[in-house]
Amino acid sequence: MKILDRYITKTLLKYSLSVMVVLVGIFAFFKFLEEVGDIGRSGYTLLDALVYVGLLI
């Protein structure tokens, strides 16, 4: 039973982590799309937008 418990735990953690990475990626993508409109205004660059989105994560 110990082997089965370990397998189930490992599988659940693997898939939970995969789903979390995908959801965070989608969130970051849409936040970046919101920032694209502001690029070029008042010295706000693409790098600034990427840093902002990265810090939100």
PDB file of N, CA and C in Angstrom:
ATOM      1  N   MET A   1       0.814  -1.188   0.000  1.00  0.00           N
ATOM      2  CA  MET A   1       0.000   0.000   0.000  1.00  0.00           C
ATOM      3  C   MET A   1       0.864   1.260   0.000  1.00  0.00           C
ATOM      4  N   LYS A   2       2.033   1.180   0.580  1.00  0.00           N
ATOM      5  CA  LYS A   2       2.925   2.326   0.647  1.00  0.00           C
ATOM      6  C   LYS A   2       3.354   2.770  -0.753  1.00  0.00           C
ATOM      7  N   ILE A   3       3.607   1.818  -1.631  1.00  0.00           N
ATOM      8  CA  ILE A   3       4.013   2.131  -3.006  1.00  0.00           C
ATOM      9  C   ILE A   3       2.871   2.813  -3.748  1.00  0.00           C
ATOM     10  N   LEU A   4       1.661   2.313  -3.559  1.00  0.00           N
ATOM     11  CA  LEU A   4       0.497   2.899  -4.220  1.00  0.00           C
ATOM     12  C   LEU A   4       0.256   4.329  -3.723  1.00  0.00           C
ATOM     13  N   ASP A   5       0.373   4.549  -2.429  1.00  0.00           N
ATOM     14  CA  ASP A   5       0.208   5.899  -1.880  1.00  0.00           C
ATOM     15  C   ASP A   5       1.237   6.860  -2.455  1.00  0.00           C
ATOM     16  N   ARG A   6       2.461   6.409  -2.553  1.00  0.00           N
ATOM     17  CA  ARG A   6       3.528   7.248  -3.101  1.00  0.00           C
ATOM     18  C   ARG A   6       3.266   7.558  -4.577  1.00  0.00           C
ATOM     19  N   TYR A   7       2.806   6.570  -5.334  1.00  0.00           N
ATOM     20  CA  TYR A   7       2.504   6.768  -6.750  1.00  0.00           C
ATOM     21  C   TYR A   7       1.369   7.779  -6.927  1.00  0.00           C
ATOM     22  N   ILE A   8       0.313   7.628  -6.146  1.00  0.00           N
ATOM     23  CA  ILE A   8      -0.832   8.537  -6.254  1.00  0.00           C
ATOM     24  C   ILE A   8      -0.419   9.959  -5.878  1.00  0.00           C
ATOM     25  N   THR A   9       0.346  10.097  -4.814  1.00  0.00           N
ATOM     26  CA  THR A   9       0.808  11.418  -4.390  1.00  0.00           C
ATOM     27  C   THR A   9       1.675  12.068  -5.456  1.00  0.00           C
ATOM     28  N   LYS A  10       2.602  11.299  -6.008  1.00  0.00           N
ATOM     29  CA  LYS A  10       3.494  11.843  -7.034  1.00  0.00           C
ATOM     30  C   LYS A  10       2.715  12.245  -8.279  1.00  0.00           C
ATOM     31  N   THR A  11       1.754  11.435  -8.669  1.00  0.00           N
ATOM     32  CA  THR A  11       0.954  11.734  -9.856  1.00  0.00           C
ATOM     33  C   THR A  11       0.102  12.984  -9.642  1.00  0.00           C
ATOM     34  N   LEU A  12      -0.538  13.080  -8.493  1.00  0.00           N
ATOM     35  CA  LEU A  12      -1.358  14.258  -8.209  1.00  0.00           C
ATOM     36  C   LEU A  12      -0.523  15.531  -8.164  1.00  0.00           C
ATOM     37  N   LEU A  13       0.634  15.460  -7.543  1.00  0.00           N
ATOM     38  CA  LEU A  13       1.505  16.635  -7.492  1.00  0.00           C
ATOM     39  C   LEU A  13       1.982  17.045  -8.878  1.00  0.00           C
ATOM     40  N   LYS A  14       2.313  16.062  -9.694  1.00  0.00           N
ATOM     41  CA  LYS A  14       2.794  16.358 -11.047  1.00  0.00           C
ATOM     42  C   LYS A  14       1.721  17.064 -11.867  1.00  0.00           C
ATOM     43  N   TYR A  15       0.501  16.536 -11.834  1.00  0.00           N
ATOM     44  CA  TYR A  15      -0.555  17.139 -12.633  1.00  0.00           C
ATOM     45  C   TYR A  15      -1.025  18.472 -12.046  1.00  0.00           C
ATOM     46  N   SER A  16      -1.028  18.591 -10.741  1.00  0.00           N
ATOM     47  CA  SER A  16      -1.399  19.870 -10.118  1.00  0.00           C
ATOM     48  C   SER A  16      -0.397  20.955 -10.485  1.00  0.00           C
ATOM     49  N   LEU A  17       0.872  20.621 -10.447  1.00  0.00           N
ATOM     50  CA  LEU A  17       1.907  21.581 -10.824  1.00  0.00           C
ATOM     51  C   LEU A  17       1.792  21.962 -12.299  1.00  0.00           C
ATOM     52  N   SER A  18       1.490  20.991 -13.146  1.00  0.00           N
ATOM     53  CA  SER A  18       1.327  21.276 -14.576  1.00  0.00           C
ATOM     54  C   SER A  18       0.171  22.242 -14.814  1.00  0.00           C
ATOM     55  N   VAL A  19      -0.945  22.012 -14.157  1.00  0.00           N
ATOM     56  CA  VAL A  19      -2.108  22.886 -14.312  1.00  0.00           C
ATOM     57  C   VAL A  19      -1.790  24.284 -13.789  1.00  0.00           C
ATOM     58  N   MET A  20      -1.093  24.362 -12.666  1.00  0.00           N
ATOM     59  CA  MET A  20      -0.739  25.658 -12.100  1.00  0.00           C
ATOM     60  C   MET A  20       0.175  26.444 -13.041  1.00  0.00           C
ATOM     61  N   VAL A  21       1.141  25.770 -13.656  1.00  0.00           N
ATOM     62  CA  VAL A  21       2.046  26.437 -14.595  1.00  0.00           C
ATOM     63  C   VAL A  21       1.272  26.963 -15.798  1.00  0.00           C
ATOM     64  N   VAL A  22       0.343  26.180 -16.307  1.00  0.00           N
ATOM     65  CA  VAL A  22      -0.456  26.612 -17.459  1.00  0.00           C
ATOM     66  C   VAL A  22      -1.323  27.817 -17.085  1.00  0.00           C
ATOM     67  N   LEU A  23      -1.967  27.774 -15.936  1.00  0.00           N
ATOM     68  CA  LEU A  23      -2.823  28.889 -15.525  1.00  0.00           C
ATOM     69  C   LEU A  23      -2.026  30.166 -15.282  1.00  0.00           C
ATOM     70  N   VAL A  24      -0.871  30.054 -14.677  1.00  0.00           N
ATOM     71  CA  VAL A  24      -0.021  31.229 -14.461  1.00  0.00           C
ATOM     72  C   VAL A  24       0.464  31.771 -15.802  1.00  0.00           C
ATOM     73  N   GLY A  25       0.771  30.888 -16.737  1.00  0.00           N
ATOM     74  CA  GLY A  25       1.182  31.323 -18.070  1.00  0.00           C
ATOM     75  C   GLY A  25       0.083  32.084 -18.794  1.00  0.00           C
ATOM     76  N   ILE A  26      -1.137  31.591 -18.685  1.00  0.00           N
ATOM     77  CA  ILE A  26      -2.272  32.279 -19.311  1.00  0.00           C
ATOM     78  C   ILE A  26      -2.488  33.644 -18.655  1.00  0.00           C
ATOM     79  N   PHE A  27      -2.417  33.684 -17.333  1.00  0.00           N
ATOM     80  CA  PHE A  27      -2.554  34.953 -16.607  1.00  0.00           C
ATOM     81  C   PHE A  27      -1.490  35.952 -17.060  1.00  0.00           C
ATOM     82  N   ALA A  28      -0.245  35.498 -17.137  1.00  0.00           N
ATOM     83  CA  ALA A  28       0.854  36.382 -17.528  1.00  0.00           C
ATOM     84  C   ALA A  28       0.675  36.873 -18.962  1.00  0.00           C
ATOM     85  N   PHE A  29       0.228  36.005 -19.842  1.00  0.00           N
ATOM     86  CA  PHE A  29       0.019  36.389 -21.238  1.00  0.00           C
ATOM     87  C   PHE A  29      -1.030  37.494 -21.348  1.00  0.00           C
ATOM     88  N   PHE A  30      -2.155  37.338 -20.644  1.00  0.00           N
ATOM     89  CA  PHE A  30      -3.202  38.348 -20.729  1.00  0.00           C
ATOM     90  C   PHE A  30      -2.799  39.654 -20.040  1.00  0.00           C
ATOM     91  N   LYS A  31      -2.031  39.571 -18.962  1.00  0.00           N
ATOM     92  CA  LYS A  31      -1.532  40.790 -18.341  1.00  0.00           C
ATOM     93  C   LYS A  31      -0.569  41.511 -19.283  1.00  0.00           C
ATOM     94  N   PHE A  32       0.249  40.748 -20.005  1.00  0.00           N
ATOM     95  CA  PHE A  32       1.161  41.360 -20.967  1.00  0.00           C
ATOM     96  C   PHE A  32       0.374  42.038 -22.084  1.00  0.00           C
ATOM     97  N   LEU A  33      -0.692  41.399 -22.549  1.00  0.00           N
ATOM     98  CA  LEU A  33      -1.517  42.017 -23.591  1.00  0.00           C
ATOM     99  C   LEU A  33      -2.125  43.333 -23.105  1.00  0.00           C
ATOM    100  N   GLU A  34      -2.465  43.417 -21.830  1.00  0.00           N
ATOM    101  CA  GLU A  34      -2.973  44.679 -21.284  1.00  0.00           C
ATOM    102  C   GLU A  34      -1.902  45.766 -21.298  1.00  0.00           C
ATOM    103  N   GLU A  35      -0.658  45.374 -21.114  1.00  0.00           N
ATOM    104  CA  GLU A  35       0.437  46.342 -21.046  1.00  0.00           C
ATOM    105  C   GLU A  35       0.924  46.781 -22.424  1.00  0.00           C
ATOM    106  N   VAL A  36       0.652  46.011 -23.460  1.00  0.00           N
ATOM    107  CA  VAL A  36       1.154  46.320 -24.806  1.00  0.00           C
ATOM    108  C   VAL A  36       0.665  47.685 -25.271  1.00  0.00           C
ATOM    109  N   GLY A  37      -0.541  48.059 -24.913  1.00  0.00           N
ATOM    110  CA  GLY A  37      -1.081  49.351 -25.324  1.00  0.00           C
ATOM    111  C   GLY A  37      -0.327  50.538 -24.747  1.00  0.00           C
ATOM    112  N   ASP A  38       0.352  50.332 -23.634  1.00  0.00           N
ATOM    113  CA  ASP A  38       1.073  51.429 -22.977  1.00  0.00           C
ATOM    114  C   ASP A  38       2.528  51.537 -23.415  1.00  0.00           C
ATOM    115  N   ILE A  39       3.009  50.581 -24.175  1.00  0.00           N
ATOM    116  CA  ILE A  39       4.407  50.611 -24.618  1.00  0.00           C
ATOM    117  C   ILE A  39       4.603  51.802 -25.555  1.00  0.00           C
ATOM    118  N   GLY A  40       5.641  52.561 -25.308  1.00  0.00           N
ATOM    119  CA  GLY A  40       5.936  53.737 -26.120  1.00  0.00           C
ATOM    120  C   GLY A  40       5.469  55.031 -25.494  1.00  0.00           C
ATOM    121  N   ARG A  41       4.669  54.958 -24.463  1.00  0.00           N
ATOM    122  CA  ARG A  41       4.193  56.159 -23.781  1.00  0.00           C
ATOM    123  C   ARG A  41       5.121  56.483 -22.615  1.00  0.00           C
ATOM    124  N   SER A  42       5.580  57.691 -22.569  1.00  0.00           N
ATOM    125  CA  SER A  42       6.401  58.198 -21.454  1.00  0.00           C
ATOM    126  C   SER A  42       7.609  57.322 -21.155  1.00  0.00           C
ATOM    127  N   GLY A  43       8.224  56.784 -22.179  1.00  0.00           N
ATOM    128  CA  GLY A  43       9.433  55.991 -21.988  1.00  0.00           C
ATOM    129  C   GLY A  43       9.183  54.574 -21.498  1.00  0.00           C
ATOM    130  N   TYR A  44       7.947  54.115 -21.542  1.00  0.00           N
ATOM    131  CA  TYR A  44       7.596  52.756 -21.119  1.00  0.00           C
ATOM    132  C   TYR A  44       7.950  51.803 -22.256  1.00  0.00           C
ATOM    133  N   THR A  45       8.915  50.926 -22.019  1.00  0.00           N
ATOM    134  CA  THR A  45       9.428  50.063 -23.083  1.00  0.00           C
ATOM    135  C   THR A  45       8.895  48.642 -22.942  1.00  0.00           C
ATOM    136  N   LEU A  46       9.224  47.839 -23.945  1.00  0.00           N
ATOM    137  CA  LEU A  46       8.843  46.427 -23.924  1.00  0.00           C
ATOM    138  C   LEU A  46       9.468  45.725 -22.723  1.00  0.00           C
ATOM    139  N   LEU A  47      10.713  46.061 -22.444  1.00  0.00           N
ATOM    140  CA  LEU A  47      11.387  45.458 -21.290  1.00  0.00           C
ATOM    141  C   LEU A  47      10.690  45.834 -19.986  1.00  0.00           C
ATOM    142  N   ASP A  48      10.241  47.072 -19.879  1.00  0.00           N
ATOM    143  CA  ASP A  48       9.503  47.492 -18.686  1.00  0.00           C
ATOM    144  C   ASP A  48       8.215  46.680 -18.529  1.00  0.00           C
ATOM    145  N   ALA A  49       7.519  46.452 -19.635  1.00  0.00           N
ATOM    146  CA  ALA A  49       6.283  45.671 -19.585  1.00  0.00           C
ATOM    147  C   ALA A  49       6.568  44.227 -19.172  1.00  0.00           C
ATOM    148  N   LEU A  50       7.637  43.650 -19.704  1.00  0.00           N
ATOM    149  CA  LEU A  50       7.988  42.272 -19.341  1.00  0.00           C
ATOM    150  C   LEU A  50       8.386  42.166 -17.867  1.00  0.00           C
ATOM    151  N   VAL A  51       9.125  43.151 -17.390  1.00  0.00           N
ATOM    152  CA  VAL A  51       9.516  43.151 -15.973  1.00  0.00           C
ATOM    153  C   VAL A  51       8.280  43.286 -15.091  1.00  0.00           C
ATOM    154  N   TYR A  52       7.371  44.158 -15.465  1.00  0.00           N
ATOM    155  CA  TYR A  52       6.141  44.350 -14.692  1.00  0.00           C
ATOM    156  C   TYR A  52       5.347  43.052 -14.602  1.00  0.00           C
ATOM    157  N   VAL A  53       5.153  42.401 -15.733  1.00  0.00           N
ATOM    158  CA  VAL A  53       4.392  41.148 -15.743  1.00  0.00           C
ATOM    159  C   VAL A  53       5.135  40.065 -14.966  1.00  0.00           C
ATOM    160  N   GLY A  54       6.444  40.029 -15.106  1.00  0.00           N
ATOM    161  CA  GLY A  54       7.226  39.047 -14.358  1.00  0.00           C
ATOM    162  C   GLY A  54       7.120  39.241 -12.860  1.00  0.00           C
ATOM    163  N   LEU A  55       7.086  40.482 -12.422  1.00  0.00           N
ATOM    164  CA  LEU A  55       6.966  40.757 -10.991  1.00  0.00           C
ATOM    165  C   LEU A  55       5.564  40.467 -10.463  1.00  0.00           C
ATOM    166  N   LEU A  56       4.567  40.520 -11.329  1.00  0.00           N
ATOM    167  CA  LEU A  56       3.211  40.174 -10.899  1.00  0.00           C
ATOM    168  C   LEU A  56       3.082  38.691 -10.577  1.00  0.00           C
ATOM    169  N   ILE A  57       3.884  37.901 -11.245  1.00  0.00           N
ATOM    170  CA  ILE A  57       3.825  36.450 -11.013  1.00  0.00           C
ATOM    171  C   ILE A  57       4.433  36.179  -9.669  1.00  0.00           C
TER     172      ILE A  57
END
